[in-house]
C-alpha atoms as a PDB file:
ATOM      1  CA  UNK A   1      14.720 -12.797   1.446  1.00  0.00           C
ATOM      2  CA  UNK A   2      11.307 -14.372   0.928  1.00  0.00           C
ATOM      3  CA  UNK A   3       9.457 -12.027  -1.432  1.00  0.00           C
ATOM      4  CA  UNK A   4       6.560 -14.145  -2.650  1.00  0.00           C
ATOM      5  CA  UNK A   5       4.970 -17.496  -1.891  1.00  0.00           C
ATOM      6  CA  UNK A   6       2.690 -19.620  -4.042  1.00  0.00           C
ATOM      7  CA  UNK A   7       1.199 -22.751  -2.584  1.00  0.00           C
ATOM      8  CA  UNK A   8      -1.794 -24.585  -1.202  1.00  0.00           C
ATOM      9  CA  UNK A   9      -3.748 -22.982   1.611  1.00  0.00           C
ATOM     10  CA  UNK A  10      -3.896 -25.514   4.468  1.00  0.00           C
ATOM     11  CA  UNK A  11      -5.319 -23.550   7.422  1.00  0.00           C
ATOM     12  CA  UNK A  12      -7.015 -20.216   8.033  1.00  0.00           C
ATOM     13  CA  UNK A  13      -6.931 -18.965  11.640  1.00  0.00           C
ATOM     14  CA  UNK A  14      -7.144 -15.155  11.562  1.00  0.00           C
ATOM     15  CA  UNK A  15      -4.789 -13.407  11.200  1.00  0.00           C
ATOM     16  CA  UNK A  16      -2.487 -16.393  10.547  1.00  0.00           C
ATOM     17  CA  UNK A  17      -2.633 -18.850   7.685  1.00  0.00           C
ATOM     18  CA  UNK A  18      -0.632 -21.961   6.919  1.00  0.00           C
ATOM     19  CA  UNK A  19       0.603 -22.236   3.350  1.00  0.00           C
ATOM     20  CA  UNK A  20       2.104 -25.428   1.932  1.00  0.00           C
ATOM     21  CA  UNK A  21       4.790 -24.613  -0.627  1.00  0.00           C
ATOM     22  CA  UNK A  22       6.309 -27.774  -2.133  1.00  0.00           C
ATOM     23  CA  UNK A  23       5.979 -29.670   1.161  1.00  0.00           C
ATOM     24  CA  UNK A  24       7.142 -26.829   3.434  1.00  0.00           C
ATOM     25  CA  UNK A  25       4.472 -25.239   5.631  1.00  0.00           C
ATOM     26  CA  UNK A  26       4.838 -21.482   6.084  1.00  0.00           C
ATOM     27  CA  UNK A  27       2.964 -19.683   8.842  1.00  0.00           C
ATOM     28  CA  UNK A  28       2.073 -16.279   7.432  1.00  0.00           C
ATOM     29  CA  UNK A  29       0.325 -13.406   9.198  1.00  0.00           C
ATOM     30  CA  UNK A  30      -1.991 -11.498   6.872  1.00  0.00           C
ATOM     31  CA  UNK A  31      -4.160  -8.378   7.290  1.00  0.00           C
ATOM     32  CA  UNK A  32      -7.884  -8.982   7.365  1.00  0.00           C
ATOM     33  CA  UNK A  33      -8.234  -7.325   3.950  1.00  0.00           C
ATOM     34  CA  UNK A  34      -6.122 -10.148   2.495  1.00  0.00           C
ATOM     35  CA  UNK A  35      -7.692 -12.793   4.731  1.00  0.00           C
ATOM     36  CA  UNK A  36     -11.229 -12.086   3.491  1.00  0.00           C
ATOM     37  CA  UNK A  37     -10.093 -12.467  -0.128  1.00  0.00           C
ATOM     38  CA  UNK A  38      -8.374 -15.826   0.355  1.00  0.00           C
ATOM     39  CA  UNK A  39      -9.779 -18.857  -1.435  1.00  0.00           C
ATOM     40  CA  UNK A  40     -11.080 -21.914   0.416  1.00  0.00           C
ATOM     41  CA  UNK A  41      -8.616 -24.247   2.117  1.00  0.00           C
ATOM     42  CA  UNK A  42      -7.067 -26.672  -0.326  1.00  0.00           C
ATOM     43  CA  UNK A  43      -6.907 -24.016  -3.069  1.00  0.00           C
ATOM     44  CA  UNK A  44      -3.748 -22.394  -4.461  1.00  0.00           C
ATOM     45  CA  UNK A  45      -2.858 -18.874  -3.417  1.00  0.00           C
ATOM     46  CA  UNK A  46      -0.042 -16.408  -4.108  1.00  0.00           C
ATOM     47  CA  UNK A  47       1.067 -13.897  -1.480  1.00  0.00           C
ATOM     48  CA  UNK A  48       3.559 -11.041  -1.612  1.00  0.00           C
ATOM     49  CA  UNK A  49       5.591 -11.303   1.574  1.00  0.00           C
ATOM     50  CA  UNK A  50       7.697  -9.317   4.008  1.00  0.00           C
ATOM     51  CA  UNK A  51      10.134 -11.243   6.227  1.00  0.00           C
ATOM     52  CA  UNK A  52      11.056  -9.833   9.650  1.00  0.00           C
ATOM     53  CA  UNK A  53      13.920 -11.138  11.779  1.00  0.00           C
ATOM     54  CA  UNK A  54      13.986 -10.120  15.445  1.00  0.00           C
ATOM     55  CA  UNK A  55      15.619 -11.435  18.610  1.00  0.00           C
ATOM     56  CA  UNK A  56      12.461 -13.244  19.627  1.00  0.00           C
ATOM     57  CA  UNK A  57      11.749 -14.891  16.269  1.00  0.00           C
ATOM     58  CA  UNK A  58      11.334 -14.810  12.521  1.00  0.00           C
ATOM     59  CA  UNK A  59       8.006 -13.564  11.183  1.00  0.00           C
ATOM     60  CA  UNK A  60       6.498 -13.728   7.721  1.00  0.00           C
ATOM     61  CA  UNK A  61       3.760 -11.288   6.707  1.00  0.00           C
ATOM     62  CA  UNK A  62       1.729 -11.879   3.540  1.00  0.00           C
ATOM     63  CA  UNK A  63      -0.349  -9.597   1.342  1.00  0.00           C
ATOM     64  CA  UNK A  64      -2.770 -10.130  -1.515  1.00  0.00           C
ATOM     65  CA  UNK A  65      -1.141  -7.508  -3.732  1.00  0.00           C
ATOM     66  CA  UNK A  66       1.898  -5.291  -4.135  1.00  0.00           C
ATOM     67  CA  UNK A  67      -0.015  -2.174  -2.991  1.00  0.00           C
ATOM     68  CA  UNK A  68      -0.696  -3.709   0.436  1.00  0.00           C
ATOM     69  CA  UNK A  69       2.943  -4.784   0.722  1.00  0.00           C
ATOM     70  CA  UNK A  70       4.175  -1.289  -0.197  1.00  0.00           C
ATOM     71  CA  UNK A  71       1.814   0.327   2.342  1.00  0.00           C
ATOM     72  CA  UNK A  72       2.969  -2.131   5.024  1.00  0.00           C
ATOM     73  CA  UNK A  73       6.607  -1.275   4.319  1.00  0.00           C
ATOM     74  CA  UNK A  74       5.853   2.461   4.532  1.00  0.00           C
ATOM     75  CA  UNK A  75       4.083   1.923   7.849  1.00  0.00           C
ATOM     76  CA  UNK A  76       6.906  -0.064   9.494  1.00  0.00           C
ATOM     77  CA  UNK A  77       9.397   2.679   8.577  1.00  0.00           C
ATOM     78  CA  UNK A  78       7.598   5.003  10.989  1.00  0.00           C
ATOM     79  CA  UNK A  79       9.057   5.238  14.484  1.00  0.00           C
ATOM     80  CA  UNK A  80       6.867   3.415  16.985  1.00  0.00           C
ATOM     81  CA  UNK A  81       4.982   1.412  14.341  1.00  0.00           C
ATOM     82  CA  UNK A  82       5.956  -2.229  14.303  1.00  0.00           C
ATOM     83  CA  UNK A  83       4.776  -5.011  12.013  1.00  0.00           C
ATOM     84  CA  UNK A  84       1.813  -5.915  14.251  1.00  0.00           C
ATOM     85  CA  UNK A  85       0.587  -2.305  14.365  1.00  0.00           C
ATOM     86  CA  UNK A  86       1.034  -1.984  10.587  1.00  0.00           C
ATOM     87  CA  UNK A  87      -0.979  -5.182  10.152  1.00  0.00           C
ATOM     88  CA  UNK A  88      -3.708  -3.717  12.393  1.00  0.00           C
ATOM     89  CA  UNK A  89      -3.847  -0.557  10.250  1.00  0.00           C
ATOM     90  CA  UNK A  90      -4.192  -2.584   7.039  1.00  0.00           C
ATOM     91  CA  UNK A  91      -6.795  -4.798   8.700  1.00  0.00           C
ATOM     92  CA  UNK A  92      -8.801  -1.715   9.671  1.00  0.00           C
ATOM     93  CA  UNK A  93      -8.866  -0.134   6.220  1.00  0.00           C
ATOM     94  CA  UNK A  94      -7.867  -0.746   2.616  1.00  0.00           C
ATOM     95  CA  UNK A  95      -4.771   0.854   1.119  1.00  0.00           C
ATOM     96  CA  UNK A  96      -6.944   3.243  -0.928  1.00  0.00           C
ATOM     97  CA  UNK A  97      -8.924   4.205   2.163  1.00  0.00           C
ATOM     98  CA  UNK A  98      -5.696   4.765   4.116  1.00  0.00           C
ATOM     99  CA  UNK A  99      -4.390   6.969   1.306  1.00  0.00           C
ATOM    100  CA  UNK A 100      -7.611   9.018   1.324  1.00  0.00           C
ATOM    101  CA  UNK A 101      -7.474   9.351   5.130  1.00  0.00           C
ATOM    102  CA  UNK A 102      -3.872  10.571   4.914  1.00  0.00           C
ATOM    103  CA  UNK A 103      -4.681  12.979   2.064  1.00  0.00           C
ATOM    104  CA  UNK A 104      -7.628  14.398   4.031  1.00  0.00           C
ATOM    105  CA  UNK A 105      -5.616  14.373   7.294  1.00  0.00           C
ATOM    106  CA  UNK A 106      -8.421  12.561   9.182  1.00  0.00           C
ATOM    107  CA  UNK A 107      -6.777  11.556  12.487  1.00  0.00           C
ATOM    108  CA  UNK A 108     -10.166  10.572  13.906  1.00  0.00           C
ATOM    109  CA  UNK A 109     -10.552   7.779  11.375  1.00  0.00           C
ATOM    110  CA  UNK A 110      -7.171   6.293  12.364  1.00  0.00           C
ATOM    111  CA  UNK A 111      -7.955   6.388  16.084  1.00  0.00           C
ATOM    112  CA  UNK A 112     -10.831   3.952  15.460  1.00  0.00           C
ATOM    113  CA  UNK A 113      -8.219   1.249  14.790  1.00  0.00           C
ATOM    114  CA  UNK A 114      -7.414  -0.683  17.994  1.00  0.00           C
ATOM    115  CA  UNK A 115      -4.040   0.325  19.428  1.00  0.00           C
ATOM    116  CA  UNK A 116      -3.823   3.696  17.694  1.00  0.00           C
ATOM    117  CA  UNK A 117      -4.221   6.761  19.866  1.00  0.00           C
ATOM    118  CA  UNK A 118      -4.350  10.420  18.915  1.00  0.00           C
ATOM    119  CA  UNK A 119      -0.575  10.977  18.950  1.00  0.00           C
ATOM    120  CA  UNK A 120       0.139   7.852  16.904  1.00  0.00           C
ATOM    121  CA  UNK A 121      -2.548   8.833  14.400  1.00  0.00           C
ATOM    122  CA  UNK A 122      -1.042  12.302  14.012  1.00  0.00           C
ATOM    123  CA  UNK A 123       2.429  10.801  13.540  1.00  0.00           C
ATOM    124  CA  UNK A 124       1.053   8.444  10.878  1.00  0.00           C
ATOM    125  CA  UNK A 125      -0.590  11.329   9.030  1.00  0.00           C
ATOM    126  CA  UNK A 126       2.613  13.363   9.134  1.00  0.00           C
ATOM    127  CA  UNK A 127       4.935  10.543   8.072  1.00  0.00           C
ATOM    128  CA  UNK A 128       2.681   9.133   5.325  1.00  0.00           C
ATOM    129  CA  UNK A 129       1.821  12.447   3.688  1.00  0.00           C
ATOM    130  CA  UNK A 130       2.979  12.339   0.034  1.00  0.00           C
ATOM    131  CA  UNK A 131       3.914   8.641   0.379  1.00  0.00           C
ATOM    132  CA  UNK A 132       0.531   6.979  -0.101  1.00  0.00           C
ATOM    133  CA  UNK A 133      -1.717   7.951  -2.978  1.00  0.00           C
ATOM    134  CA  UNK A 134      -5.193   6.673  -3.796  1.00  0.00           C
ATOM    135  CA  UNK A 135      -5.129   4.578  -6.960  1.00  0.00           C
ATOM    136  CA  UNK A 136      -8.105   6.504  -8.329  1.00  0.00           C
ATOM    137  CA  UNK A 137      -7.541  10.236  -8.569  1.00  0.00           C
ATOM    138  CA  UNK A 138      -9.650  13.006 -10.033  1.00  0.00           C
ATOM    139  CA  UNK A 139      -7.229  13.555 -12.897  1.00  0.00           C
ATOM    140  CA  UNK A 140      -7.192   9.893 -13.879  1.00  0.00           C
ATOM    141  CA  UNK A 141     -10.976   9.858 -14.358  1.00  0.00           C
ATOM    142  CA  UNK A 142     -10.679  11.462 -17.812  1.00  0.00           C
ATOM    143  CA  UNK A 143      -8.067   9.188 -19.411  1.00  0.00           C
ATOM    144  CA  UNK A 144      -7.399   6.586 -16.756  1.00  0.00           C
ATOM    145  CA  UNK A 145      -4.531   4.720 -18.369  1.00  0.00           C
ATOM    146  CA  UNK A 146      -2.337   7.581 -19.588  1.00  0.00           C
ATOM    147  CA  UNK A 147      -3.025  10.014 -16.738  1.00  0.00           C
ATOM    148  CA  UNK A 148      -2.571   7.367 -14.043  1.00  0.00           C
ATOM    149  CA  UNK A 149       0.730   6.263 -15.601  1.00  0.00           C
ATOM    150  CA  UNK A 150       1.931   9.857 -15.903  1.00  0.00           C
ATOM    151  CA  UNK A 151       0.891  10.594 -12.311  1.00  0.00           C
ATOM    152  CA  UNK A 152       2.671   7.477 -11.008  1.00  0.00           C
ATOM    153  CA  UNK A 153       5.814   8.328 -12.991  1.00  0.00           C
ATOM    154  CA  UNK A 154       5.926  11.867 -11.589  1.00  0.00           C
ATOM    155  CA  UNK A 155       5.457  10.620  -8.038  1.00  0.00           C
ATOM    156  CA  UNK A 156       8.169   7.997  -8.570  1.00  0.00           C
ATOM    157  CA  UNK A 157      10.459  10.867  -9.573  1.00  0.00           C
ATOM    158  CA  UNK A 158       9.815  12.489  -6.194  1.00  0.00           C
ATOM    159  CA  UNK A 159       7.072  15.001  -6.931  1.00  0.00           C
ATOM    160  CA  UNK A 160       4.206  15.279  -4.439  1.00  0.00           C
ATOM    161  CA  UNK A 161       0.662  14.321  -5.388  1.00  0.00           C
ATOM    162  CA  UNK A 162      -0.314  18.003  -5.425  1.00  0.00           C
ATOM    163  CA  UNK A 163       2.545  18.921  -7.813  1.00  0.00           C
ATOM    164  CA  UNK A 164       1.835  15.943 -10.059  1.00  0.00           C
ATOM    165  CA  UNK A 165      -1.909  16.705 -10.186  1.00  0.00           C
ATOM    166  CA  UNK A 166      -1.171  20.343 -11.088  1.00  0.00           C
ATOM    167  CA  UNK A 167       1.149  19.235 -13.889  1.00  0.00           C
ATOM    168  CA  UNK A 168      -1.517  16.834 -15.221  1.00  0.00           C
ATOM    169  CA  UNK A 169      -3.981  19.703 -15.547  1.00  0.00           C
ATOM    170  CA  UNK A 170      -1.619  21.442 -17.994  1.00  0.00           C
ATOM    171  CA  UNK A 171      -1.539  18.478 -20.394  1.00  0.00           C
ATOM    172  CA  UNK A 172      -3.690  18.308 -23.533  1.00  0.00           C
ATOM    173  CA  UNK A 173      -6.368  15.624 -23.757  1.00  0.00           C
ATOM    174  CA  UNK A 174      -5.336  12.288 -25.268  1.00  0.00           C
ATOM    175  CA  UNK A 175      -1.604  12.801 -24.744  1.00  0.00           C
ATOM    176  CA  UNK A 176       0.551   9.657 -24.755  1.00  0.00           C
ATOM    177  CA  UNK A 177       2.323   8.578 -21.584  1.00  0.00           C
ATOM    178  CA  UNK A 178       5.844   9.414 -22.771  1.00  0.00           C
ATOM    179  CA  UNK A 179       4.833  12.815 -24.204  1.00  0.00           C
ATOM    180  CA  UNK A 180       2.753  13.523 -21.097  1.00  0.00           C
ATOM    181  CA  UNK A 181       5.677  12.828 -18.775  1.00  0.00           C
ATOM    182  CA  UNK A 182       7.963  15.007 -20.872  1.00  0.00           C
ATOM    183  CA  UNK A 183       5.476  17.901 -20.962  1.00  0.00           C
ATOM    184  CA  UNK A 184       4.655  17.553 -17.259  1.00  0.00           C
ATOM    185  CA  UNK A 185       8.350  17.685 -16.355  1.00  0.00           C
ATOM    186  CA  UNK A 186       8.742  20.856 -18.444  1.00  0.00           C
ATOM    187  CA  UNK A 187       5.746  22.403 -16.661  1.00  0.00           C
ATOM    188  CA  UNK A 188       7.136  21.435 -13.269  1.00  0.00           C
ATOM    189  CA  UNK A 189      10.572  22.859 -14.057  1.00  0.00           C
ATOM    190  CA  UNK A 190       9.002  26.239 -14.901  1.00  0.00           C
ATOM    191  CA  UNK A 191       6.946  26.327 -11.685  1.00  0.00           C
END
């Protein structure tokens, strides 16, 4: 479907914007985190999008980056969380903040978002555990590029953040990404 739009920003009426793409005006709902980072009207903008078709209409949701889009897609997979609720979550906190809240299991922080009660917050924490990771981790502080790439590769292979972090601690300093992945997989297979 529609995966990305690049065009001229015509209107900004939170949370909806109007984007002119080659003469076609797209109404796109965006989280406030994206909205605040939009350029002035008349400027060009690129949005990563998610298209939703329902009985009552077709809806286009836009995001400033792929991390927001991925978080949105994880949120709408959860039972009882629709696109509007997912947009509210991403408007209430950044993706990194959401990942930290999930990692720390802070239901109270989620209940501060309008429309999210205690039970919904607990369901979010349960469903998102091991699916959202902060982009800055303790292990990546030493060698950000290699360790972050190794960590992301391990998580893409299905290992939890905890398992991946433990494997990173076994690696020697200055290891390349490919060698680090190989050594981390060996360490994980022995565990």
